[in-house]
Amino acid sequence: MASIAGNVGAETAIQRIVGVSAWSDQVRRSIELVAAHHASVLIMGPSGTGKELIARAIHACSPRGQRPFIPVDCAVTTGTLFASHMFGHVKGSFTGATSSTLGCFRAADGGTIFLDEIGEMELELQAKLLRVLQQRTVVPVGSHQEVPVDVRVLAATNRELSREVAEGRFREDLFYRLNVVAIQTLPLRERPEDVPVLAARYLAELAARHGMPMCSLSPAAIDVLQAYAWPGNVRELENVLERAVMFSSGDEIDPDSLSGLMGTRPVGEPASGATQLAVAASRGIVSATPLPGVYRVEPRIQPAAQASAATQAAVQAPAAESDGSAAWPTLADVERMHLERTLAATLQNKSLAAKMLGIDRSVLRRKLQRYGLDESGSRPAEGFDP
């Protein structure tokens, strides 16, 4: 029964490496090949490209698949806490040590330890780690007794470790100890054919696990996603889709539901959000919102451009001095200005604008057409009479 469960777990882990690109096929084959052995594996690539997912798949497909998988974030495991966290300690070894602990290596005994962000580890700590990998023993803090451990080591980094070695920031001997087998991940912008498959998978997970509406992507929305540079890779794609589901008013996500949630630069341009923010700043004062990557724009109202001289006079002068028939803004004027303000605040995201206004998108679209605001950034001519 355990063997059957292990096979099912291995198949599920492989299936989570989603994609139709040549790189995806190669990674799935590499996982199956290296999983059968006990050699260390170094997984390299940009953040958000699924390095831990690959590590978990290697563990699940290996003979150790039914034993522990212990992930360690090397970027936060620093200083004096390193030895205790990694190798454990005995009771009374330091102030506050009220009981003994195993540490990550002994907790992973018989299984796999995953050293994430290994390139962030301090040089002094690299030496301690190297000794453990060479001797296959750990010495808990407060003890002098070596404890044997049987652990497979998988490591991941978004740095180019060969360059780190050349510049003296990473030990060469540790690099070769970890780099027995290397797997290189690819940024999402270099495999756009994987975007629709990844998106469909994640939308299904949102519906199944988080109780969110089941949505699909329109062909135009898929084109937008495939043309985007994805500086945050798969992690950014997941965030964009989750927010798009929240902001979408129907079962289909269209480009309007994506605008304002992601940049608009094409593949190959720098991965900076400066272009999007510059466009937003030209419309008004940019300020952050609680949603990452979404900014609110307060339009800069220029009286000379926004209202006629007669309207300004009506606002500044007492009502008794004018009958208001020609100067006072009409309800249509106020509605038009409120629509402009809402579009600016949502960065032209019509789905979000409709939600903020409490109306259906079809109603919003008709109103925008009525006032000549149906195209992004367009404004009605001076003296426009609805």
Protein backbone atom coordinates (compact mmCIF):
# COMPACT_ATOMS: atom_id res chain seq x y z
CA MET A 1 0.00 0.00 0.00
CA ALA A 2 2.86 2.38 0.82
CA SER A 3 4.36 1.73 -2.62
CA ILE A 4 1.05 2.53 -4.33
CA ALA A 5 0.69 5.73 -2.30
CA GLY A 6 4.26 6.68 -3.19
CA ASN A 7 3.63 6.18 -6.90
CA VAL A 8 0.50 8.34 -6.73
CA GLY A 9 2.40 11.06 -4.86
CA ALA A 10 5.22 10.99 -7.40
CA GLU A 11 2.81 11.27 -10.34
CA THR A 12 1.01 14.18 -8.66
CA ALA A 13 4.32 15.97 -8.00
CA ILE A 14 5.38 15.59 -11.64
CA GLN A 15 1.99 16.80 -12.85
CA ARG A 16 2.42 20.01 -10.86
CA ILE A 17 5.28 20.96 -13.20
CA VAL A 18 2.80 22.45 -15.67
CA GLY A 19 3.73 23.55 -19.18
CA VAL A 20 3.91 22.59 -22.83
CA SER A 21 7.25 24.22 -23.63
CA ALA A 22 10.40 22.28 -24.45
CA TRP A 23 11.86 23.46 -21.12
CA SER A 24 8.90 22.01 -19.17
CA ASP A 25 9.30 18.63 -20.87
CA GLN A 26 13.04 18.64 -20.18
CA VAL A 27 12.58 19.48 -16.48
CA ARG A 28 10.03 16.69 -16.00
CA ARG A 29 12.47 14.21 -17.58
CA SER A 30 15.34 15.53 -15.46
CA ILE A 31 13.31 15.11 -12.27
CA GLU A 32 12.57 11.49 -13.08
CA LEU A 33 16.24 10.81 -13.86
CA VAL A 34 17.87 12.46 -10.81
CA ALA A 35 15.18 11.36 -8.33
CA ALA A 36 16.34 7.74 -8.44
CA HIS A 37 19.81 8.68 -7.14
CA HIS A 38 21.04 10.28 -3.93
CA ALA A 39 23.27 12.97 -5.45
CA SER A 40 22.94 16.61 -4.40
CA VAL A 41 21.02 18.83 -6.81
CA LEU A 42 21.47 22.58 -7.30
CA ILE A 43 18.41 24.34 -8.79
CA MET A 44 19.23 27.76 -10.24
CA GLY A 45 17.01 30.44 -11.73
CA PRO A 46 15.13 33.70 -11.12
CA SER A 47 12.76 34.10 -8.18
CA GLY A 48 9.23 32.85 -8.76
CA THR A 49 10.13 30.20 -11.36
CA GLY A 50 9.17 27.17 -9.24
CA LYS A 51 12.49 26.06 -7.76
CA GLU A 52 10.91 24.68 -4.58
CA LEU A 53 8.23 22.96 -6.67
CA ILE A 54 10.99 21.15 -8.58
CA ALA A 55 12.72 20.20 -5.32
CA ARG A 56 9.52 18.77 -3.87
CA ALA A 57 8.94 16.79 -7.07
CA ILE A 58 12.46 15.31 -6.88
CA HIS A 59 11.84 14.28 -3.28
CA ALA A 60 8.39 12.80 -4.03
CA CYS A 61 9.74 10.75 -6.94
CA SER A 62 12.75 9.47 -5.01
CA PRO A 63 13.03 6.39 -2.73
CA ARG A 64 12.90 8.92 0.14
CA GLY A 65 9.47 10.13 -0.92
CA GLN A 66 7.74 8.75 2.20
CA ARG A 67 10.30 10.34 4.53
CA PRO A 68 10.46 14.00 5.69
CA PHE A 69 11.05 16.93 3.34
CA ILE A 70 12.46 19.83 5.38
CA PRO A 71 12.73 23.26 3.66
CA VAL A 72 15.18 25.81 5.12
CA ASP A 73 15.30 29.50 4.16
CA CYS A 74 19.02 30.27 4.29
CA ALA A 75 18.36 34.00 3.90
CA VAL A 76 16.87 34.21 7.41
CA THR A 77 18.89 31.44 9.11
CA THR A 78 21.86 33.57 10.13
CA GLY A 79 24.30 34.27 12.93
CA THR A 80 24.24 32.43 16.25
CA LEU A 81 20.85 30.86 15.51
CA PHE A 82 22.23 28.91 12.57
CA ALA A 83 23.85 26.02 14.46
CA SER A 84 20.87 25.52 16.76
CA HIS A 85 18.35 25.73 13.92
CA MET A 86 20.27 23.42 11.60
CA PHE A 87 21.94 20.96 13.99
CA GLY A 88 19.80 21.18 17.12
CA HIS A 89 20.83 21.78 20.74
CA VAL A 90 20.74 20.00 24.07
CA LYS A 91 18.80 21.15 27.09
CA GLY A 92 20.60 23.85 29.08
CA SER A 93 23.16 24.60 26.36
CA PHE A 94 22.25 28.31 26.44
CA THR A 95 19.84 30.64 28.18
CA GLY A 96 16.31 29.71 27.22
CA ALA A 97 17.19 26.17 26.07
CA THR A 98 14.57 24.50 28.26
CA SER A 99 14.48 21.36 26.14
CA SER A 100 16.52 19.57 23.49
CA THR A 101 15.76 20.01 19.79
CA LEU A 102 16.63 17.94 16.74
CA GLY A 103 17.47 20.71 14.26
CA CYS A 104 16.65 20.61 10.55
CA PHE A 105 19.24 18.00 9.56
CA ARG A 106 18.20 15.43 12.14
CA ALA A 107 14.53 16.18 11.49
CA ALA A 108 15.17 15.32 7.82
CA ASP A 109 17.02 12.07 8.65
CA GLY A 110 16.21 9.48 6.01
CA GLY A 111 14.59 12.14 3.84
CA THR A 112 15.52 15.38 2.07
CA ILE A 113 16.60 18.81 3.23
CA PHE A 114 15.98 21.73 0.87
CA LEU A 115 18.34 24.68 1.31
CA ASP A 116 16.52 27.58 -0.34
CA GLU A 117 18.40 30.80 -1.20
CA ILE A 118 21.72 29.09 -0.47
CA GLY A 119 23.53 32.02 -2.13
CA GLU A 120 22.48 34.29 0.77
CA MET A 121 24.34 32.24 3.39
CA GLU A 122 27.23 33.94 5.22
CA LEU A 123 30.74 32.63 4.56
CA GLU A 124 31.28 31.52 8.16
CA LEU A 125 28.09 29.48 8.07
CA GLN A 126 29.03 27.99 4.69
CA ALA A 127 32.07 26.42 6.37
CA LYS A 128 29.88 24.77 9.03
CA LEU A 129 27.51 23.46 6.38
CA LEU A 130 30.37 22.10 4.29
CA ARG A 131 31.67 20.04 7.22
CA VAL A 132 28.25 18.46 7.74
CA LEU A 133 27.97 17.57 4.05
CA GLN A 134 31.45 16.04 4.05
CA GLN A 135 31.24 14.11 7.33
CA ARG A 136 27.52 13.30 7.23
CA THR A 137 27.38 14.04 10.96
CA VAL A 138 26.10 16.93 13.07
CA VAL A 139 27.11 18.12 16.53
CA PRO A 140 24.21 19.67 18.46
CA VAL A 141 24.92 22.94 20.30
CA GLY A 142 26.06 22.15 23.84
CA SER A 143 27.23 18.66 22.95
CA HIS A 144 30.49 17.12 21.76
CA GLN A 145 28.91 13.96 20.42
CA GLU A 146 28.72 13.56 16.66
CA VAL A 147 25.34 12.30 15.44
CA PRO A 148 25.23 10.58 12.03
CA VAL A 149 22.58 11.80 9.57
CA ASP A 150 21.34 10.30 6.31
CA VAL A 151 20.02 13.26 4.36
CA ARG A 152 19.81 14.13 0.67
CA VAL A 153 20.61 17.78 0.01
CA LEU A 154 18.75 19.87 -2.56
CA ALA A 155 19.65 23.57 -2.84
CA ALA A 156 18.29 26.52 -4.78
CA THR A 157 19.47 30.03 -5.57
CA ASN A 158 18.59 32.96 -7.79
CA ARG A 159 22.24 34.02 -7.87
CA GLU A 160 24.91 32.92 -10.33
CA LEU A 161 27.03 30.95 -7.86
CA SER A 162 30.02 30.61 -10.21
CA ARG A 163 30.27 34.40 -10.22
CA GLU A 164 29.79 34.51 -6.44
CA VAL A 165 32.71 32.06 -6.12
CA ALA A 166 34.91 34.16 -8.41
CA GLU A 167 34.14 37.28 -6.35
CA GLY A 168 34.82 35.53 -3.04
CA ARG A 169 31.29 35.55 -1.68
CA PHE A 170 30.71 31.78 -1.88
CA ARG A 171 33.04 28.92 -1.02
CA GLU A 172 34.30 27.05 -4.05
CA ASP A 173 34.40 23.69 -2.23
CA LEU A 174 30.80 24.08 -1.07
CA PHE A 175 29.73 25.03 -4.60
CA TYR A 176 31.17 21.81 -6.05
CA ARG A 177 29.71 19.77 -3.18
CA LEU A 178 26.21 21.09 -4.01
CA ASN A 179 26.54 21.28 -7.79
CA VAL A 180 26.65 17.54 -8.51
CA VAL A 181 23.54 17.83 -10.67
CA ALA A 182 22.31 21.25 -11.88
CA ILE A 183 18.80 22.18 -13.03
CA GLN A 184 18.29 25.63 -14.56
CA THR A 185 14.84 27.22 -14.49
CA LEU A 186 13.64 29.68 -17.14
CA PRO A 187 11.87 33.02 -16.63
CA LEU A 188 8.25 32.98 -17.77
CA ARG A 189 8.88 35.57 -20.50
CA GLU A 190 11.09 33.02 -22.30
CA ARG A 191 8.34 30.40 -22.44
CA PRO A 192 5.11 32.31 -23.23
CA GLU A 193 3.47 29.11 -24.55
CA ASP A 194 3.27 27.94 -20.91
CA VAL A 195 1.26 30.98 -19.79
CA PRO A 196 -2.24 29.78 -20.88
CA VAL A 197 -1.67 26.34 -19.31
CA LEU A 198 -0.37 27.79 -16.04
CA ALA A 199 -3.22 30.30 -15.94
CA ALA A 200 -5.90 27.65 -16.49
CA ARG A 201 -4.36 25.49 -13.77
CA TYR A 202 -4.25 28.31 -11.25
CA LEU A 203 -7.78 29.53 -12.02
CA ALA A 204 -9.03 26.00 -11.35
CA GLU A 205 -7.11 25.92 -8.05
CA LEU A 206 -8.62 29.27 -7.01
CA ALA A 207 -12.10 27.86 -7.57
CA ALA A 208 -11.44 24.50 -5.91
CA ARG A 209 -9.36 25.47 -2.90
CA HIS A 210 -10.33 29.07 -2.17
CA GLY A 211 -14.01 29.07 -3.12
CA MET A 212 -13.56 31.82 -5.70
CA PRO A 213 -15.67 31.93 -8.90
CA MET A 214 -14.51 29.68 -11.72
CA CYS A 215 -13.33 32.01 -14.45
CA SER A 216 -11.76 31.51 -17.85
CA LEU A 217 -9.56 33.78 -19.95
CA SER A 218 -10.79 35.36 -23.16
CA PRO A 219 -8.49 34.97 -26.20
CA ALA A 220 -7.66 38.69 -26.00
CA ALA A 221 -6.71 38.35 -22.31
CA ILE A 222 -4.42 35.40 -23.14
CA ASP A 223 -2.69 37.57 -25.76
CA VAL A 224 -2.15 40.27 -23.12
CA LEU A 225 -0.69 37.76 -20.64
CA GLN A 226 1.64 36.24 -23.24
CA ALA A 227 2.93 39.66 -24.33
CA TYR A 228 3.80 40.72 -20.78
CA ALA A 229 7.42 40.43 -19.55
CA TRP A 230 6.56 38.87 -16.10
CA PRO A 231 9.41 40.21 -13.93
CA GLY A 232 7.90 38.26 -11.01
CA ASN A 233 7.49 35.10 -13.12
CA VAL A 234 4.92 32.45 -12.11
CA ARG A 235 4.38 34.02 -8.69
CA GLU A 236 3.38 37.31 -10.31
CA LEU A 237 1.07 35.49 -12.75
CA GLU A 238 -0.73 33.85 -9.82
CA ASN A 239 -1.15 37.21 -8.06
CA VAL A 240 -2.49 38.92 -11.20
CA LEU A 241 -5.01 36.14 -11.84
CA GLU A 242 -6.26 36.14 -8.25
CA ARG A 243 -6.87 39.89 -8.35
CA ALA A 244 -8.45 39.60 -11.81
CA VAL A 245 -10.96 37.05 -10.50
CA MET A 246 -11.87 39.44 -7.67
CA PHE A 247 -12.32 42.38 -10.04
CA SER A 248 -14.05 40.53 -12.89
CA SER A 249 -17.82 40.99 -13.10
CA GLY A 250 -18.45 37.80 -15.08
CA ASP A 251 -17.15 34.30 -15.71
CA GLU A 252 -14.69 35.43 -18.38
CA ILE A 253 -11.61 37.53 -17.70
CA ASP A 254 -11.01 40.06 -20.45
CA PRO A 255 -8.19 42.60 -20.93
CA ASP A 256 -10.15 45.25 -19.02
CA SER A 257 -9.98 43.05 -15.91
CA LEU A 258 -6.19 42.91 -16.21
CA SER A 259 -5.47 46.60 -16.85
CA GLY A 260 -4.06 48.32 -13.78
CA LEU A 261 -3.09 44.97 -12.23
CA MET A 262 0.04 44.47 -14.30
CA GLY A 263 2.43 46.52 -16.42
CA THR A 264 1.85 47.01 -20.11
CA ARG A 265 5.37 46.70 -21.49
CA PRO A 266 5.98 44.03 -24.16
CA VAL A 267 8.43 41.18 -23.90
CA GLY A 268 12.05 42.34 -23.97
CA GLU A 269 11.61 45.74 -22.33
CA PRO A 270 13.15 46.42 -18.89
CA ALA A 271 11.25 44.85 -15.99
CA SER A 272 10.60 48.18 -14.28
CA GLY A 273 7.18 49.58 -13.43
CA ALA A 274 8.39 53.08 -14.21
CA THR A 275 6.51 53.23 -17.53
CA GLN A 276 3.17 52.38 -15.97
CA LEU A 277 3.67 54.80 -13.09
CA ALA A 278 4.75 57.57 -15.47
CA VAL A 279 1.52 57.16 -17.41
CA ALA A 280 -0.44 57.19 -14.16
CA ALA A 281 1.41 60.25 -12.89
CA SER A 282 0.53 62.12 -16.06
CA ARG A 283 -3.13 61.66 -15.12
CA GLY A 284 -2.79 62.84 -11.54
CA ILE A 285 -1.25 62.24 -8.13
CA VAL A 286 -0.18 58.61 -7.68
CA SER A 287 -0.65 56.89 -4.32
CA ALA A 288 -0.49 53.24 -3.29
CA THR A 289 -3.55 51.12 -2.48
CA PRO A 290 -3.79 48.02 -0.26
CA LEU A 291 -3.53 45.85 -3.41
CA PRO A 292 0.08 45.23 -4.52
CA GLY A 293 0.76 46.69 -7.93
CA VAL A 294 -2.46 48.77 -7.96
CA TYR A 295 -2.20 52.53 -7.60
CA ARG A 296 -4.82 55.19 -7.06
CA VAL A 297 -4.68 58.35 -9.16
CA GLU A 298 -6.24 61.56 -7.92
CA PRO A 299 -6.77 63.73 -11.02
CA ARG A 300 -5.25 67.17 -11.01
CA ILE A 301 -8.30 69.34 -11.66
CA GLN A 302 -7.40 72.33 -13.79
CA PRO A 303 -10.29 74.82 -13.57
CA ALA A 304 -9.56 76.32 -16.98
CA ALA A 305 -9.75 72.93 -18.64
CA GLN A 306 -12.42 71.33 -16.50
CA ALA A 307 -15.05 74.03 -16.39
CA SER A 308 -16.08 77.09 -18.29
CA ALA A 309 -15.44 80.57 -16.95
CA ALA A 310 -19.15 80.88 -16.27
CA THR A 311 -19.13 77.72 -14.15
CA GLN A 312 -16.17 79.02 -12.12
CA ALA A 313 -17.94 82.30 -11.55
CA ALA A 314 -21.04 80.47 -10.38
CA VAL A 315 -19.04 78.47 -7.86
CA GLN A 316 -17.15 81.53 -6.55
CA ALA A 317 -20.02 84.03 -6.52
CA PRO A 318 -23.12 83.95 -4.28
CA ALA A 319 -26.08 82.17 -5.84
CA ALA A 320 -28.20 85.31 -5.48
CA GLU A 321 -26.10 87.10 -8.10
CA SER A 322 -27.05 84.64 -10.83
CA ASP A 323 -30.11 82.63 -11.73
CA GLY A 324 -27.75 79.67 -12.38
CA SER A 325 -29.45 78.76 -15.64
CA ALA A 326 -26.26 78.98 -17.69
CA ALA A 327 -23.51 78.70 -15.07
CA TRP A 328 -24.50 75.94 -12.66
CA PRO A 329 -23.11 72.47 -13.70
CA THR A 330 -25.79 70.04 -14.76
CA LEU A 331 -26.23 66.55 -13.36
CA ALA A 332 -24.74 65.21 -16.61
CA ASP A 333 -21.62 67.40 -16.08
CA VAL A 334 -21.18 66.01 -12.57
CA GLU A 335 -21.69 62.43 -13.78
CA ARG A 336 -19.13 62.87 -16.55
CA MET A 337 -16.53 64.28 -14.15
CA HIS A 338 -17.19 61.46 -11.65
CA LEU A 339 -16.70 58.88 -14.41
CA GLU A 340 -13.41 60.52 -15.38
CA ARG A 341 -12.26 60.53 -11.75
CA THR A 342 -13.20 56.86 -11.27
CA LEU A 343 -11.41 55.76 -14.45
CA ALA A 344 -8.30 57.65 -13.35
CA ALA A 345 -8.45 56.10 -9.86
CA THR A 346 -8.64 52.57 -11.34
CA LEU A 347 -6.05 53.17 -14.08
CA GLN A 348 -8.75 52.61 -16.73
CA ASN A 349 -9.77 49.22 -15.27
CA LYS A 350 -13.42 49.23 -16.33
CA SER A 351 -14.34 46.11 -14.37
CA LEU A 352 -13.07 47.66 -11.14
CA ALA A 353 -14.63 51.02 -12.05
CA ALA A 354 -18.04 49.36 -12.49
CA LYS A 355 -17.70 47.68 -9.10
CA MET A 356 -16.74 50.96 -7.42
CA LEU A 357 -19.71 52.73 -9.02
CA GLY A 358 -22.11 49.90 -8.16
CA ILE A 359 -23.29 49.37 -11.74
CA ASP A 360 -22.99 46.65 -14.35
CA ARG A 361 -20.15 46.87 -16.86
CA SER A 362 -22.59 47.12 -19.75
CA VAL A 363 -24.17 50.18 -18.09
CA LEU A 364 -20.73 51.70 -17.54
CA ARG A 365 -19.79 51.08 -21.17
CA ARG A 366 -22.91 52.89 -22.41
CA LYS A 367 -22.20 55.85 -20.14
CA LEU A 368 -18.60 56.06 -21.33
CA GLN A 369 -19.73 56.00 -24.95
CA ARG A 370 -22.29 58.70 -24.20
CA TYR A 371 -19.65 61.03 -22.78
CA GLY A 372 -16.91 60.13 -25.26
CA LEU A 373 -14.80 58.37 -22.61
CA ASP A 374 -14.90 54.89 -24.12
CA GLU A 375 -11.19 55.02 -25.11
CA SER A 376 -8.47 55.12 -22.47
CA GLY A 377 -7.25 58.62 -21.82
CA SER A 378 -9.84 60.28 -24.11
CA ARG A 379 -11.63 63.38 -22.87
CA PRO A 380 -14.75 65.14 -24.15
CA ALA A 381 -14.31 68.30 -26.10
CA GLU A 382 -14.68 71.63 -24.29
CA GLY A 383 -18.32 72.62 -24.11
CA PHE A 384 -19.54 69.08 -24.80
CA ASP A 385 -23.30 68.93 -24.34
CA PRO A 386 -24.59 65.44 -23.42
